[in-house]
Each structure stands twice: as structure tokens, then as C-alpha cells.
Amino acid sequence: MKLDRTFISGIAHVARDLSIVRSIVSLGKAFSLGIVAEGVENNEQFELLK
């Protein structure tokens, strides 16, 4: 499963983007899918994706 950089770029500042990303990650984990996040540019984004 691939997360587009459009969502990743806003996760630290846009609550809606973070909510969407967390939902997608949760869905991926539920189905044991690999998840790739494009466009992670800083540690804050990385930490939010853990």
C-alpha cells in the first residue's frame, strides 16, 4: 500500500491529512499489507507515521 506525498506533506499541520493517513495505515495493518509513505522529509513526519 502506498501513501502519496500529498497526504504526508500535511500530516504535521493538517488534522484531516493525519486522520486519513492513520486510517490508511490501520487498514493496511489489518490486512497485513506493506505500507510505503512517499515524501517523508523530516523527523516530525517520520515520528507521526510510526
N, C-alpha and C. Protein backbone atom coordinates (compact mmCIF):
# COMPACT_ATOMS: atom_id res chain seq x y z
N MET A 1 0.85 -1.14 0.00
CA MET A 1 0.00 0.00 0.00
C MET A 1 0.91 1.22 0.00
N LYS A 2 0.60 2.20 -0.83
CA LYS A 2 1.45 3.37 -0.98
C LYS A 2 0.69 4.64 -0.61
N LEU A 3 1.29 5.43 0.28
CA LEU A 3 0.70 6.70 0.69
C LEU A 3 1.34 7.81 -0.13
N ASP A 4 0.54 8.58 -0.80
CA ASP A 4 1.03 9.66 -1.65
C ASP A 4 1.61 10.80 -0.82
N ARG A 5 2.63 11.44 -1.36
CA ARG A 5 3.29 12.54 -0.66
C ARG A 5 2.35 13.71 -0.38
N THR A 6 1.25 13.81 -1.12
CA THR A 6 0.27 14.87 -0.88
C THR A 6 -0.26 14.80 0.54
N PHE A 7 -0.51 13.61 1.02
CA PHE A 7 -1.00 13.44 2.39
C PHE A 7 0.13 13.58 3.41
N ILE A 8 1.29 13.05 3.09
CA ILE A 8 2.42 13.06 4.02
C ILE A 8 2.89 14.48 4.31
N SER A 9 2.91 15.33 3.30
CA SER A 9 3.42 16.70 3.49
C SER A 9 2.61 17.49 4.50
N GLY A 10 1.33 17.16 4.67
CA GLY A 10 0.49 17.93 5.57
C GLY A 10 0.22 17.31 6.92
N ILE A 11 0.75 16.12 7.20
CA ILE A 11 0.34 15.43 8.42
C ILE A 11 0.72 16.15 9.71
N ALA A 12 1.75 16.98 9.67
CA ALA A 12 2.16 17.69 10.88
C ALA A 12 1.30 18.92 11.16
N HIS A 13 0.58 19.41 10.13
CA HIS A 13 -0.15 20.67 10.28
C HIS A 13 -1.63 20.60 9.93
N VAL A 14 -2.02 19.57 9.21
CA VAL A 14 -3.42 19.45 8.76
C VAL A 14 -4.03 18.20 9.40
N ALA A 15 -4.93 18.43 10.34
CA ALA A 15 -5.53 17.32 11.09
C ALA A 15 -6.21 16.31 10.17
N ARG A 16 -6.84 16.79 9.13
CA ARG A 16 -7.53 15.90 8.19
C ARG A 16 -6.55 14.95 7.51
N ASP A 17 -5.38 15.47 7.10
CA ASP A 17 -4.37 14.63 6.46
C ASP A 17 -3.87 13.55 7.42
N LEU A 18 -3.62 13.93 8.66
CA LEU A 18 -3.14 12.96 9.65
C LEU A 18 -4.20 11.89 9.89
N SER A 19 -5.44 12.29 9.96
CA SER A 19 -6.53 11.33 10.16
C SER A 19 -6.63 10.35 9.00
N ILE A 20 -6.52 10.85 7.78
CA ILE A 20 -6.58 9.99 6.60
C ILE A 20 -5.41 9.01 6.60
N VAL A 21 -4.22 9.51 6.87
CA VAL A 21 -3.03 8.66 6.87
C VAL A 21 -3.14 7.59 7.95
N ARG A 22 -3.57 7.96 9.13
CA ARG A 22 -3.71 6.96 10.20
C ARG A 22 -4.75 5.90 9.85
N SER A 23 -5.82 6.30 9.19
CA SER A 23 -6.84 5.34 8.77
C SER A 23 -6.30 4.37 7.74
N ILE A 24 -5.54 4.89 6.78
CA ILE A 24 -4.97 4.04 5.73
C ILE A 24 -3.95 3.07 6.34
N VAL A 25 -3.12 3.56 7.24
CA VAL A 25 -2.13 2.70 7.90
C VAL A 25 -2.83 1.62 8.70
N SER A 26 -3.88 1.97 9.41
CA SER A 26 -4.64 1.00 10.19
C SER A 26 -5.25 -0.07 9.28
N LEU A 27 -5.80 0.34 8.18
CA LEU A 27 -6.38 -0.60 7.21
C LEU A 27 -5.30 -1.53 6.66
N GLY A 28 -4.16 -0.97 6.30
CA GLY A 28 -3.06 -1.78 5.79
C GLY A 28 -2.59 -2.81 6.80
N LYS A 29 -2.48 -2.39 8.06
CA LYS A 29 -2.06 -3.32 9.11
C LYS A 29 -3.09 -4.42 9.31
N ALA A 30 -4.37 -4.08 9.24
CA ALA A 30 -5.44 -5.06 9.43
C ALA A 30 -5.38 -6.16 8.38
N PHE A 31 -4.92 -5.82 7.18
CA PHE A 31 -4.83 -6.80 6.10
C PHE A 31 -3.40 -7.28 5.87
N SER A 32 -2.51 -6.98 6.81
CA SER A 32 -1.10 -7.39 6.75
C SER A 32 -0.43 -6.96 5.45
N LEU A 33 -0.69 -5.73 5.04
CA LEU A 33 -0.10 -5.19 3.82
C LEU A 33 1.13 -4.36 4.16
N GLY A 34 2.10 -4.36 3.27
CA GLY A 34 3.24 -3.47 3.42
C GLY A 34 2.79 -2.05 3.12
N ILE A 35 3.37 -1.09 3.81
CA ILE A 35 2.98 0.30 3.63
C ILE A 35 4.21 1.13 3.31
N VAL A 36 4.13 1.93 2.25
CA VAL A 36 5.21 2.82 1.85
C VAL A 36 4.67 4.24 1.86
N ALA A 37 5.38 5.14 2.54
CA ALA A 37 4.97 6.54 2.58
C ALA A 37 5.96 7.35 1.74
N GLU A 38 5.45 8.00 0.72
CA GLU A 38 6.30 8.83 -0.14
C GLU A 38 6.43 10.23 0.45
N GLY A 39 7.59 10.83 0.28
CA GLY A 39 7.76 12.24 0.62
C GLY A 39 7.99 12.56 2.07
N VAL A 40 8.45 11.60 2.86
CA VAL A 40 8.78 11.89 4.26
C VAL A 40 10.06 12.73 4.24
N GLU A 41 9.94 13.98 4.70
CA GLU A 41 11.07 14.91 4.58
C GLU A 41 11.68 15.33 5.90
N ASN A 42 11.04 15.00 7.01
CA ASN A 42 11.62 15.41 8.29
C ASN A 42 11.25 14.41 9.38
N ASN A 43 11.91 14.57 10.51
CA ASN A 43 11.73 13.64 11.62
C ASN A 43 10.31 13.71 12.20
N GLU A 44 9.71 14.90 12.19
CA GLU A 44 8.35 15.05 12.72
C GLU A 44 7.37 14.18 11.93
N GLN A 45 7.47 14.20 10.61
CA GLN A 45 6.61 13.37 9.76
C GLN A 45 6.88 11.89 10.04
N PHE A 46 8.15 11.55 10.14
CA PHE A 46 8.53 10.16 10.40
C PHE A 46 7.93 9.67 11.72
N GLU A 47 8.03 10.47 12.76
CA GLU A 47 7.51 10.09 14.07
C GLU A 47 5.99 9.92 14.04
N LEU A 48 5.29 10.77 13.30
CA LEU A 48 3.83 10.66 13.21
C LEU A 48 3.40 9.40 12.47
N LEU A 49 4.26 8.88 11.63
CA LEU A 49 3.93 7.69 10.84
C LEU A 49 4.19 6.39 11.59
N LYS A 50 4.92 6.43 12.67
CA LYS A 50 5.24 5.21 13.41
C LYS A 50 4.00 4.57 13.97
